């Protein structure tokens, strides 16, 4: 089954914020490389998104959330938090792995069956 990947605006804002951080703390070239690799990894969720583990905060949410871990180096330093709804994968946020745990108020609500 192929899934339709939807990157919510909140996640796009996160990606742009993290790319700006890369530009300020590393280089513009690395920022572009990180930005592009983030979207490549995220859109890879179109195939078997269930292969990624549940987020450690999953039990705090009324819906399932999973983590796609990625980064430029050998150690993934970022996670794209997503949920699966039917044949859609909704990427809700992109955060540094070291950031504080998520709470339900940190994420946009996933779509309902009527959306």
PDB file of N, CA and C in Angstrom:
ATOM      1  N   UNK A   1       0.846  -1.177   0.000  1.00  0.00           N
ATOM      2  CA  UNK A   1       0.000   0.000   0.000  1.00  0.00           C
ATOM      3  C   UNK A   1       0.894   1.244   0.000  1.00  0.00           C
ATOM      4  N   UNK A   2       0.539   2.191  -0.814  1.00  0.00           N
ATOM      5  CA  UNK A   2       1.234   3.477  -0.839  1.00  0.00           C
ATOM      6  C   UNK A   2       0.393   4.490  -0.072  1.00  0.00           C
ATOM      7  N   UNK A   3       1.055   5.238   0.791  1.00  0.00           N
ATOM      8  CA  UNK A   3       0.393   6.241   1.613  1.00  0.00           C
ATOM      9  C   UNK A   3       0.601   7.629   1.018  1.00  0.00           C
ATOM     10  N   UNK A   4      -0.343   8.498   1.277  1.00  0.00           N
ATOM     11  CA  UNK A   4      -0.243   9.905   0.887  1.00  0.00           C
ATOM     12  C   UNK A   4       0.337  10.655   2.084  1.00  0.00           C
ATOM     13  N   UNK A   5       1.484  11.288   1.906  1.00  0.00           N
ATOM     14  CA  UNK A   5       2.145  12.007   2.994  1.00  0.00           C
ATOM     15  C   UNK A   5       1.709  13.473   2.964  1.00  0.00           C
ATOM     16  N   UNK A   6       1.220  13.938   4.105  1.00  0.00           N
ATOM     17  CA  UNK A   6       0.784  15.318   4.257  1.00  0.00           C
ATOM     18  C   UNK A   6       1.634  15.940   5.363  1.00  0.00           C
ATOM     19  N   UNK A   7       2.355  16.978   5.015  1.00  0.00           N
ATOM     20  CA  UNK A   7       3.177  17.681   5.997  1.00  0.00           C
ATOM     21  C   UNK A   7       2.375  18.881   6.473  1.00  0.00           C
ATOM     22  N   UNK A   8       1.923  18.808   7.717  1.00  0.00           N
ATOM     23  CA  UNK A   8       1.124  19.900   8.278  1.00  0.00           C
ATOM     24  C   UNK A   8       1.948  21.182   8.365  1.00  0.00           C
ATOM     25  N   UNK A   9       1.287  22.321   8.344  1.00  0.00           N
ATOM     26  CA  UNK A   9       1.976  23.617   8.384  1.00  0.00           C
ATOM     27  C   UNK A   9       2.862  23.739   9.613  1.00  0.00           C
ATOM     28  N   UNK A  10       2.417  23.220  10.733  1.00  0.00           N
ATOM     29  CA  UNK A  10       3.213  23.251  11.956  1.00  0.00           C
ATOM     30  C   UNK A  10       4.569  22.577  11.725  1.00  0.00           C
ATOM     31  N   UNK A  11       4.576  21.446  11.039  1.00  0.00           N
ATOM     32  CA  UNK A  11       5.818  20.724  10.747  1.00  0.00           C
ATOM     33  C   UNK A  11       6.680  21.497   9.750  1.00  0.00           C
ATOM     34  N   UNK A  12       6.063  22.119   8.761  1.00  0.00           N
ATOM     35  CA  UNK A  12       6.822  22.937   7.799  1.00  0.00           C
ATOM     36  C   UNK A  12       7.503  24.086   8.532  1.00  0.00           C
ATOM     37  N   UNK A  13       6.787  24.728   9.450  1.00  0.00           N
ATOM     38  CA  UNK A  13       7.375  25.806  10.242  1.00  0.00           C
ATOM     39  C   UNK A  13       8.558  25.290  11.056  1.00  0.00           C
ATOM     40  N   UNK A  14       8.415  24.098  11.626  1.00  0.00           N
ATOM     41  CA  UNK A  14       9.519  23.493  12.389  1.00  0.00           C
ATOM     42  C   UNK A  14      10.736  23.248  11.504  1.00  0.00           C
ATOM     43  N   UNK A  15      10.510  22.726  10.317  1.00  0.00           N
ATOM     44  CA  UNK A  15      11.609  22.445   9.390  1.00  0.00           C
ATOM     45  C   UNK A  15      12.329  23.736   9.029  1.00  0.00           C
ATOM     46  N   UNK A  16      11.575  24.770   8.736  1.00  0.00           N
ATOM     47  CA  UNK A  16      12.181  26.056   8.387  1.00  0.00           C
ATOM     48  C   UNK A  16      12.958  26.647   9.566  1.00  0.00           C
ATOM     49  N   UNK A  17      12.418  26.522  10.777  1.00  0.00           N
ATOM     50  CA  UNK A  17      13.109  27.013  11.976  1.00  0.00           C
ATOM     51  C   UNK A  17      14.424  26.257  12.180  1.00  0.00           C
ATOM     52  N   UNK A  18      14.382  24.940  12.023  1.00  0.00           N
ATOM     53  CA  UNK A  18      15.598  24.145  12.186  1.00  0.00           C
ATOM     54  C   UNK A  18      16.623  24.434  11.095  1.00  0.00           C
ATOM     55  N   UNK A  19      16.168  24.680   9.885  1.00  0.00           N
ATOM     56  CA  UNK A  19      17.094  25.027   8.798  1.00  0.00           C
ATOM     57  C   UNK A  19      17.775  26.367   9.087  1.00  0.00           C
ATOM     58  N   UNK A  20      17.021  27.323   9.622  1.00  0.00           N
ATOM     59  CA  UNK A  20      17.636  28.603  10.003  1.00  0.00           C
ATOM     60  C   UNK A  20      18.700  28.391  11.076  1.00  0.00           C
ATOM     61  N   UNK A  21      18.428  27.498  12.027  1.00  0.00           N
ATOM     62  CA  UNK A  21      19.413  27.180  13.064  1.00  0.00           C
ATOM     63  C   UNK A  21      20.679  26.624  12.429  1.00  0.00           C
ATOM     64  N   UNK A  22      20.516  25.703  11.469  1.00  0.00           N
ATOM     65  CA  UNK A  22      21.675  25.129  10.779  1.00  0.00           C
ATOM     66  C   UNK A  22      22.471  26.230  10.078  1.00  0.00           C
ATOM     67  N   UNK A  23      21.792  27.161   9.443  1.00  0.00           N
ATOM     68  CA  UNK A  23      22.478  28.239   8.729  1.00  0.00           C
ATOM     69  C   UNK A  23      23.252  29.128   9.701  1.00  0.00           C
ATOM     70  N   UNK A  24      22.661  29.399  10.866  1.00  0.00           N
ATOM     71  CA  UNK A  24      23.311  30.259  11.850  1.00  0.00           C
ATOM     72  C   UNK A  24      24.463  29.575  12.578  1.00  0.00           C
ATOM     73  N   UNK A  25      24.357  28.272  12.821  1.00  0.00           N
ATOM     74  CA  UNK A  25      25.345  27.565  13.636  1.00  0.00           C
ATOM     75  C   UNK A  25      26.322  26.702  12.837  1.00  0.00           C
ATOM     76  N   UNK A  26      26.037  26.479  11.581  1.00  0.00           N
ATOM     77  CA  UNK A  26      26.929  25.676  10.731  1.00  0.00           C
ATOM     78  C   UNK A  26      27.228  26.481   9.471  1.00  0.00           C
ATOM     79  N   UNK A  27      26.449  26.247   8.433  1.00  0.00           N
ATOM     80  CA  UNK A  27      26.636  27.001   7.193  1.00  0.00           C
ATOM     81  C   UNK A  27      25.342  26.972   6.390  1.00  0.00           C
ATOM     82  N   UNK A  28      25.246  27.903   5.447  1.00  0.00           N
ATOM     83  CA  UNK A  28      24.067  27.939   4.580  1.00  0.00           C
ATOM     84  C   UNK A  28      23.989  26.662   3.749  1.00  0.00           C
ATOM     85  N   UNK A  29      25.129  26.147   3.318  1.00  0.00           N
ATOM     86  CA  UNK A  29      25.146  24.921   2.517  1.00  0.00           C
ATOM     87  C   UNK A  29      24.620  23.737   3.326  1.00  0.00           C
ATOM     88  N   UNK A  30      25.053  23.626   4.589  1.00  0.00           N
ATOM     89  CA  UNK A  30      24.554  22.536   5.428  1.00  0.00           C
ATOM     90  C   UNK A  30      23.070  22.717   5.730  1.00  0.00           C
ATOM     91  N   UNK A  31      22.640  23.949   5.873  1.00  0.00           N
ATOM     92  CA  UNK A  31      21.221  24.204   6.121  1.00  0.00           C
ATOM     93  C   UNK A  31      20.374  23.721   4.946  1.00  0.00           C
ATOM     94  N   UNK A  32      20.819  24.010   3.737  1.00  0.00           N
ATOM     95  CA  UNK A  32      20.093  23.559   2.542  1.00  0.00           C
ATOM     96  C   UNK A  32      20.111  22.038   2.478  1.00  0.00           C
ATOM     97  N   UNK A  33      21.253  21.450   2.761  1.00  0.00           N
ATOM     98  CA  UNK A  33      21.367  19.982   2.734  1.00  0.00           C
ATOM     99  C   UNK A  33      20.437  19.352   3.773  1.00  0.00           C
ATOM    100  N   UNK A  34      20.407  19.927   4.992  1.00  0.00           N
ATOM    101  CA  UNK A  34      19.534  19.404   6.036  1.00  0.00           C
ATOM    102  C   UNK A  34      18.065  19.551   5.624  1.00  0.00           C
ATOM    103  N   UNK A  35      17.689  20.720   5.112  1.00  0.00           N
ATOM    104  CA  UNK A  35      16.318  20.998   4.700  1.00  0.00           C
ATOM    105  C   UNK A  35      15.860  19.989   3.644  1.00  0.00           C
ATOM    106  N   UNK A  36      16.677  19.812   2.631  1.00  0.00           N
ATOM    107  CA  UNK A  36      16.314  18.877   1.553  1.00  0.00           C
ATOM    108  C   UNK A  36      16.248  17.441   2.070  1.00  0.00           C
ATOM    109  N   UNK A  37      17.199  17.048   2.914  1.00  0.00           N
ATOM    110  CA  UNK A  37      17.186  15.674   3.420  1.00  0.00           C
ATOM    111  C   UNK A  37      15.986  15.434   4.331  1.00  0.00           C
ATOM    112  N   UNK A  38      15.545  16.471   5.064  1.00  0.00           N
ATOM    113  CA  UNK A  38      14.365  16.321   5.915  1.00  0.00           C
ATOM    114  C   UNK A  38      13.148  15.951   5.072  1.00  0.00           C
ATOM    115  N   UNK A  39      12.950  16.656   3.967  1.00  0.00           N
ATOM    116  CA  UNK A  39      11.790  16.353   3.126  1.00  0.00           C
ATOM    117  C   UNK A  39      11.922  15.004   2.419  1.00  0.00           C
ATOM    118  N   UNK A  40      13.124  14.642   2.017  1.00  0.00           N
ATOM    119  CA  UNK A  40      13.324  13.323   1.400  1.00  0.00           C
ATOM    120  C   UNK A  40      12.936  12.232   2.394  1.00  0.00           C
ATOM    121  N   UNK A  41      13.422  12.349   3.619  1.00  0.00           N
ATOM    122  CA  UNK A  41      13.090  11.350   4.648  1.00  0.00           C
ATOM    123  C   UNK A  41      11.591  11.344   4.935  1.00  0.00           C
ATOM    124  N   UNK A  42      11.007  12.522   5.084  1.00  0.00           N
ATOM    125  CA  UNK A  42       9.582  12.598   5.399  1.00  0.00           C
ATOM    126  C   UNK A  42       8.742  11.966   4.297  1.00  0.00           C
ATOM    127  N   UNK A  43       9.062  12.266   3.058  1.00  0.00           N
ATOM    128  CA  UNK A  43       8.254  11.693   1.980  1.00  0.00           C
ATOM    129  C   UNK A  43       8.508  10.204   1.777  1.00  0.00           C
ATOM    130  N   UNK A  44       9.560   9.666   2.414  1.00  0.00           N
ATOM    131  CA  UNK A  44       9.767   8.209   2.375  1.00  0.00           C
ATOM    132  C   UNK A  44       8.712   7.482   3.211  1.00  0.00           C
ATOM    133  N   UNK A  45       7.947   8.233   4.001  1.00  0.00           N
ATOM    134  CA  UNK A  45       6.872   7.626   4.785  1.00  0.00           C
ATOM    135  C   UNK A  45       5.730   7.124   3.909  1.00  0.00           C
ATOM    136  N   UNK A  46       5.810   7.366   2.608  1.00  0.00           N
ATOM    137  CA  UNK A  46       4.762   6.855   1.718  1.00  0.00           C
ATOM    138  C   UNK A  46       4.783   5.337   1.617  1.00  0.00           C
ATOM    139  N   UNK A  47       5.864   4.729   2.057  1.00  0.00           N
ATOM    140  CA  UNK A  47       5.980   3.270   2.045  1.00  0.00           C
ATOM    141  C   UNK A  47       6.219   2.768   3.467  1.00  0.00           C
ATOM    142  N   UNK A  48       5.366   1.954   3.952  1.00  0.00           N
ATOM    143  CA  UNK A  48       5.463   1.282   5.243  1.00  0.00           C
ATOM    144  C   UNK A  48       5.770   2.210   6.428  1.00  0.00           C
ATOM    145  N   UNK A  49       4.946   3.213   6.668  1.00  0.00           N
ATOM    146  CA  UNK A  49       5.212   4.096   7.804  1.00  0.00           C
ATOM    147  C   UNK A  49       5.137   3.380   9.152  1.00  0.00           C
ATOM    148  N   UNK A  50       4.457   2.241   9.198  1.00  0.00           N
ATOM    149  CA  UNK A  50       4.326   1.484  10.448  1.00  0.00           C
ATOM    150  C   UNK A  50       5.653   0.914  10.914  1.00  0.00           C
ATOM    151  N   UNK A  51       6.664   0.909  10.041  1.00  0.00           N
ATOM    152  CA  UNK A  51       7.972   0.354  10.415  1.00  0.00           C
ATOM    153  C   UNK A  51       8.679   1.233  11.444  1.00  0.00           C
ATOM    154  N   UNK A  52       8.209   2.453  11.609  1.00  0.00           N
ATOM    155  CA  UNK A  52       8.798   3.368  12.581  1.00  0.00           C
ATOM    156  C   UNK A  52       8.106   3.202  13.930  1.00  0.00           C
ATOM    157  N   UNK A  53       8.900   3.265  14.984  1.00  0.00           N
ATOM    158  CA  UNK A  53       8.386   3.017  16.327  1.00  0.00           C
ATOM    159  C   UNK A  53       7.444   4.089  16.839  1.00  0.00           C
ATOM    160  N   UNK A  54       6.676   3.690  17.830  1.00  0.00           N
ATOM    161  CA  UNK A  54       5.797   4.640  18.502  1.00  0.00           C
ATOM    162  C   UNK A  54       6.645   5.659  19.256  1.00  0.00           C
ATOM    163  N   UNK A  55       6.175   6.879  19.296  1.00  0.00           N
ATOM    164  CA  UNK A  55       6.845   7.922  20.071  1.00  0.00           C
ATOM    165  C   UNK A  55       6.778   7.567  21.550  1.00  0.00           C
ATOM    166  N   UNK A  56       7.784   7.969  22.307  1.00  0.00           N
ATOM    167  CA  UNK A  56       7.751   7.632  23.732  1.00  0.00           C
ATOM    168  C   UNK A  56       6.627   8.339  24.459  1.00  0.00           C
ATOM    169  N   UNK A  57       6.060   9.401  23.880  1.00  0.00           N
ATOM    170  CA  UNK A  57       4.911  10.080  24.475  1.00  0.00           C
ATOM    171  C   UNK A  57       3.577   9.514  23.994  1.00  0.00           C
ATOM    172  N   UNK A  58       3.601   8.477  23.191  1.00  0.00           N
ATOM    173  CA  UNK A  58       2.382   7.953  22.566  1.00  0.00           C
ATOM    174  C   UNK A  58       1.250   7.734  23.573  1.00  0.00           C
ATOM    175  N   UNK A  59       1.561   7.218  24.743  1.00  0.00           N
ATOM    176  CA  UNK A  59       0.535   6.942  25.748  1.00  0.00           C
ATOM    177  C   UNK A  59      -0.175   8.180  26.271  1.00  0.00           C
ATOM    178  N   UNK A  60       0.394   9.353  26.025  1.00  0.00           N
ATOM    179  CA  UNK A  60      -0.212  10.606  26.485  1.00  0.00           C
ATOM    180  C   UNK A  60      -1.206  11.184  25.485  1.00  0.00           C
ATOM    181  N   UNK A  61      -1.341  10.549  24.339  1.00  0.00           N
ATOM    182  CA  UNK A  61      -2.168  11.089  23.253  1.00  0.00           C
ATOM    183  C   UNK A  61      -3.372  10.194  22.994  1.00  0.00           C
ATOM    184  N   UNK A  62      -4.486  10.793  22.563  1.00  0.00           N
ATOM    185  CA  UNK A  62      -5.679  10.002  22.261  1.00  0.00           C
ATOM    186  C   UNK A  62      -5.606   9.332  20.885  1.00  0.00           C
ATOM    187  N   UNK A  63      -4.511   9.521  20.178  1.00  0.00           N
ATOM    188  CA  UNK A  63      -4.282   8.891  18.877  1.00  0.00           C
ATOM    189  C   UNK A  63      -2.826   8.462  18.841  1.00  0.00           C
ATOM    190  N   UNK A  64      -2.513   7.562  17.929  1.00  0.00           N
ATOM    191  CA  UNK A  64      -1.167   7.010  17.840  1.00  0.00           C
ATOM    192  C   UNK A  64      -0.205   8.014  17.189  1.00  0.00           C
ATOM    193  N   UNK A  65       0.967   8.184  17.798  1.00  0.00           N
ATOM    194  CA  UNK A  65       2.012   8.989  17.176  1.00  0.00           C
ATOM    195  C   UNK A  65       3.287   8.155  17.082  1.00  0.00           C
ATOM    196  N   UNK A  66       4.006   8.355  15.992  1.00  0.00           N
ATOM    197  CA  UNK A  66       5.231   7.614  15.707  1.00  0.00           C
ATOM    198  C   UNK A  66       6.353   8.587  15.379  1.00  0.00           C
ATOM    199  N   UNK A  67       7.585   8.087  15.448  1.00  0.00           N
ATOM    200  CA  UNK A  67       8.762   8.901  15.162  1.00  0.00           C
ATOM    201  C   UNK A  67       9.516   8.382  13.954  1.00  0.00           C
ATOM    202  N   UNK A  68       9.838   9.287  13.060  1.00  0.00           N
ATOM    203  CA  UNK A  68      10.794   9.044  11.985  1.00  0.00           C
ATOM    204  C   UNK A  68      12.063   9.770  12.412  1.00  0.00           C
ATOM    205  N   UNK A  69      13.125   9.024  12.689  1.00  0.00           N
ATOM    206  CA  UNK A  69      14.389   9.618  13.129  1.00  0.00           C
ATOM    207  C   UNK A  69      15.260   9.875  11.917  1.00  0.00           C
ATOM    208  N   UNK A  70      15.911  11.059  11.893  1.00  0.00           N
ATOM    209  CA  UNK A  70      16.770  11.389  10.757  1.00  0.00           C
ATOM    210  C   UNK A  70      17.775  12.449  11.157  1.00  0.00           C
ATOM    211  N   UNK A  71      18.729  12.688  10.298  1.00  0.00           N
ATOM    212  CA  UNK A  71      19.739  13.719  10.500  1.00  0.00           C
ATOM    213  C   UNK A  71      20.796  13.627   9.420  1.00  0.00           C
ATOM    214  N   UNK A  72      21.749  14.522   9.452  1.00  0.00           N
ATOM    215  CA  UNK A  72      22.799  14.519   8.435  1.00  0.00           C
ATOM    216  C   UNK A  72      23.929  13.552   8.771  1.00  0.00           C
ATOM    217  N   UNK A  73      24.231  13.384  10.022  1.00  0.00           N
ATOM    218  CA  UNK A  73      25.339  12.528  10.420  1.00  0.00           C
ATOM    219  C   UNK A  73      24.902  11.091  10.640  1.00  0.00           C
ATOM    220  N   UNK A  74      25.775  10.347  11.279  1.00  0.00           N
ATOM    221  CA  UNK A  74      25.486   8.933  11.528  1.00  0.00           C
ATOM    222  C   UNK A  74      24.473   8.759  12.663  1.00  0.00           C
ATOM    223  N   UNK A  75      24.328   9.775  13.526  1.00  0.00           N
ATOM    224  CA  UNK A  75      23.347   9.709  14.613  1.00  0.00           C
ATOM    225  C   UNK A  75      22.160  10.601  14.288  1.00  0.00           C
ATOM    226  N   UNK A  76      20.979  10.032  14.195  1.00  0.00           N
ATOM    227  CA  UNK A  76      19.802  10.872  13.927  1.00  0.00           C
ATOM    228  C   UNK A  76      19.533  11.794  15.109  1.00  0.00           C
ATOM    229  N   UNK A  77      19.492  13.085  14.851  1.00  0.00           N
ATOM    230  CA  UNK A  77      19.316  14.083  15.904  1.00  0.00           C
ATOM    231  C   UNK A  77      17.938  14.742  15.842  1.00  0.00           C
ATOM    232  N   UNK A  78      17.138  14.367  14.858  1.00  0.00           N
ATOM    233  CA  UNK A  78      15.819  14.966  14.684  1.00  0.00           C
ATOM    234  C   UNK A  78      14.772  13.868  14.582  1.00  0.00           C
ATOM    235  N   UNK A  79      13.545  14.245  14.904  1.00  0.00           N
ATOM    236  CA  UNK A  79      12.441  13.304  14.736  1.00  0.00           C
ATOM    237  C   UNK A  79      11.251  14.027  14.135  1.00  0.00           C
ATOM    238  N   UNK A  80      10.681  13.392  13.146  1.00  0.00           N
ATOM    239  CA  UNK A  80       9.426  13.838  12.562  1.00  0.00           C
ATOM    240  C   UNK A  80       8.345  13.006  13.232  1.00  0.00           C
ATOM    241  N   UNK A  81       7.453  13.662  13.927  1.00  0.00           N
ATOM    242  CA  UNK A  81       6.377  12.972  14.640  1.00  0.00           C
ATOM    243  C   UNK A  81       5.169  12.947  13.719  1.00  0.00           C
ATOM    244  N   UNK A  82       4.621  11.757  13.534  1.00  0.00           N
ATOM    245  CA  UNK A  82       3.519  11.609  12.580  1.00  0.00           C
ATOM    246  C   UNK A  82       2.464  10.658  13.104  1.00  0.00           C
ATOM    247  N   UNK A  83       1.312  10.719  12.467  1.00  0.00           N
ATOM    248  CA  UNK A  83       0.231   9.797  12.752  1.00  0.00           C
ATOM    249  C   UNK A  83      -0.282   9.251  11.416  1.00  0.00           C
ATOM    250  N   UNK A  84      -0.837   8.074  11.464  1.00  0.00           N
ATOM    251  CA  UNK A  84      -1.375   7.422  10.266  1.00  0.00           C
ATOM    252  C   UNK A  84      -2.897   7.419  10.382  1.00  0.00           C
ATOM    253  N   UNK A  85      -3.543   7.916   9.359  1.00  0.00           N
ATOM    254  CA  UNK A  85      -5.010   7.967   9.325  1.00  0.00           C
ATOM    255  C   UNK A  85      -5.452   7.391   7.986  1.00  0.00           C
ATOM    256  N   UNK A  86      -5.928   6.157   7.994  1.00  0.00           N
ATOM    257  CA  UNK A  86      -6.310   5.503   6.739  1.00  0.00           C
ATOM    258  C   UNK A  86      -5.102   5.347   5.852  1.00  0.00           C
ATOM    259  N   UNK A  87      -5.159   5.903   4.652  1.00  0.00           N
ATOM    260  CA  UNK A  87      -4.021   5.819   3.726  1.00  0.00           C
ATOM    261  C   UNK A  87      -3.209   7.117   3.707  1.00  0.00           C
ATOM    262  N   UNK A  88      -3.365   7.933   4.770  1.00  0.00           N
ATOM    263  CA  UNK A  88      -2.633   9.191   4.876  1.00  0.00           C
ATOM    264  C   UNK A  88      -1.679   9.160   6.063  1.00  0.00           C
ATOM    265  N   UNK A  89      -0.515   9.728   5.848  1.00  0.00           N
ATOM    266  CA  UNK A  89       0.451   9.947   6.920  1.00  0.00           C
ATOM    267  C   UNK A  89       0.506  11.448   7.145  1.00  0.00           C
ATOM    268  N   UNK A  90       0.195  11.871   8.358  1.00  0.00           N
ATOM    269  CA  UNK A  90       0.214  13.295   8.707  1.00  0.00           C
ATOM    270  C   UNK A  90       1.433  13.566   9.572  1.00  0.00           C
ATOM    271  N   UNK A  91       2.369  14.337   9.022  1.00  0.00           N
ATOM    272  CA  UNK A  91       3.545  14.747   9.780  1.00  0.00           C
ATOM    273  C   UNK A  91       3.137  15.977  10.586  1.00  0.00           C
ATOM    274  N   UNK A  92       3.201  15.852  11.904  1.00  0.00           N
ATOM    275  CA  UNK A  92       2.653  16.869  12.797  1.00  0.00           C
ATOM    276  C   UNK A  92       3.693  17.868  13.285  1.00  0.00           C
ATOM    277  N   UNK A  93       4.919  17.411  13.511  1.00  0.00           N
ATOM    278  CA  UNK A  93       5.978  18.284  13.997  1.00  0.00           C
ATOM    279  C   UNK A  93       7.326  17.673  13.673  1.00  0.00           C
ATOM    280  N   UNK A  94       8.354  18.514  13.637  1.00  0.00           N
ATOM    281  CA  UNK A  94       9.732  18.066  13.456  1.00  0.00           C
ATOM    282  C   UNK A  94      10.547  18.747  14.539  1.00  0.00           C
ATOM    283  N   UNK A  95      11.201  17.935  15.359  1.00  0.00           N
ATOM    284  CA  UNK A  95      11.899  18.457  16.528  1.00  0.00           C
ATOM    285  C   UNK A  95      13.269  17.823  16.683  1.00  0.00           C
ATOM    286  N   UNK A  96      14.134  18.524  17.384  1.00  0.00           N
ATOM    287  CA  UNK A  96      15.396  17.911  17.782  1.00  0.00           C
ATOM    288  C   UNK A  96      15.066  16.803  18.773  1.00  0.00           C
ATOM    289  N   UNK A  97      15.758  15.719  18.702  1.00  0.00           N
ATOM    290  CA  UNK A  97      15.490  14.586  19.587  1.00  0.00           C
ATOM    291  C   UNK A  97      15.660  14.960  21.057  1.00  0.00           C
ATOM    292  N   UNK A  98      16.511  15.945  21.336  1.00  0.00           N
ATOM    293  CA  UNK A  98      16.796  16.334  22.710  1.00  0.00           C
ATOM    294  C   UNK A  98      15.748  17.282  23.308  1.00  0.00           C
ATOM    295  N   UNK A  99      14.806  17.745  22.520  1.00  0.00           N
ATOM    296  CA  UNK A  99      13.803  18.674  23.038  1.00  0.00           C
ATOM    297  C   UNK A  99      12.922  17.996  24.081  1.00  0.00           C
ATOM    298  N   UNK A 100      12.275  18.815  24.882  1.00  0.00           N
ATOM    299  CA  UNK A 100      11.384  18.318  25.930  1.00  0.00           C
ATOM    300  C   UNK A 100      10.308  17.418  25.323  1.00  0.00           C
ATOM    301  N   UNK A 101       9.811  16.466  26.101  1.00  0.00           N
ATOM    302  CA  UNK A 101       8.741  15.594  25.603  1.00  0.00           C
ATOM    303  C   UNK A 101       7.524  16.395  25.146  1.00  0.00           C
ATOM    304  N   UNK A 102       6.834  15.836  24.175  1.00  0.00           N
ATOM    305  CA  UNK A 102       5.616  16.452  23.645  1.00  0.00           C
ATOM    306  C   UNK A 102       4.455  16.269  24.614  1.00  0.00           C
ATOM    307  N   UNK A 103       3.548  17.227  24.578  1.00  0.00           N
ATOM    308  CA  UNK A 103       2.270  17.088  25.275  1.00  0.00           C
ATOM    309  C   UNK A 103       1.179  17.259  24.221  1.00  0.00           C
ATOM    310  N   UNK A 104      -0.016  16.764  24.482  1.00  0.00           N
ATOM    311  CA  UNK A 104      -1.077  16.898  23.475  1.00  0.00           C
ATOM    312  C   UNK A 104      -1.290  18.324  22.978  1.00  0.00           C
ATOM    313  N   UNK A 105      -1.051  19.331  23.796  1.00  0.00           N
ATOM    314  CA  UNK A 105      -1.221  20.710  23.364  1.00  0.00           C
ATOM    315  C   UNK A 105      -0.147  21.197  22.407  1.00  0.00           C
ATOM    316  N   UNK A 106       0.941  20.433  22.279  1.00  0.00           N
ATOM    317  CA  UNK A 106       2.037  20.816  21.382  1.00  0.00           C
ATOM    318  C   UNK A 106       1.759  20.494  19.919  1.00  0.00           C
ATOM    319  N   UNK A 107       0.811  19.614  19.678  1.00  0.00           N
ATOM    320  CA  UNK A 107       0.569  19.138  18.314  1.00  0.00           C
ATOM    321  C   UNK A 107      -0.796  19.556  17.808  1.00  0.00           C
ATOM    322  N   UNK A 108      -0.888  19.799  16.495  1.00  0.00           N
ATOM    323  CA  UNK A 108      -2.220  20.032  15.926  1.00  0.00           C
ATOM    324  C   UNK A 108      -3.025  18.740  15.984  1.00  0.00           C
ATOM    325  N   UNK A 109      -4.319  18.869  16.049  1.00  0.00           N
ATOM    326  CA  UNK A 109      -5.162  17.670  16.048  1.00  0.00           C
ATOM    327  C   UNK A 109      -5.103  17.001  14.682  1.00  0.00           C
ATOM    328  N   UNK A 110      -5.039  15.678  14.649  1.00  0.00           N
ATOM    329  CA  UNK A 110      -5.074  14.997  13.348  1.00  0.00           C
ATOM    330  C   UNK A 110      -6.465  15.115  12.755  1.00  0.00           C
ATOM    331  N   UNK A 111      -6.577  14.889  11.460  1.00  0.00           N
ATOM    332  CA  UNK A 111      -7.899  14.998  10.816  1.00  0.00           C
ATOM    333  C   UNK A 111      -8.850  13.931  11.350  1.00  0.00           C
ATOM    334  N   UNK A 112     -10.125  14.271  11.321  1.00  0.00           N
ATOM    335  CA  UNK A 112     -11.138  13.293  11.696  1.00  0.00           C
ATOM    336  C   UNK A 112     -11.633  12.591  10.437  1.00  0.00           C
ATOM    337  N   UNK A 113     -12.453  11.594  10.610  1.00  0.00           N
ATOM    338  CA  UNK A 113     -12.975  10.854   9.441  1.00  0.00           C
ATOM    339  C   UNK A 113     -13.775  11.752   8.513  1.00  0.00           C
ATOM    340  N   UNK A 114     -14.349  12.841   9.026  1.00  0.00           N
ATOM    341  CA  UNK A 114     -15.184  13.709   8.197  1.00  0.00           C
ATOM    342  C   UNK A 114     -14.351  14.735   7.423  1.00  0.00           C
ATOM    343  N   UNK A 115     -13.046  14.845   7.725  1.00  0.00           N
ATOM    344  CA  UNK A 115     -12.201  15.835   7.032  1.00  0.00           C
ATOM    345  C   UNK A 115     -11.624  15.255   5.782  1.00  0.00           C
TER     346      UNK A 115
END
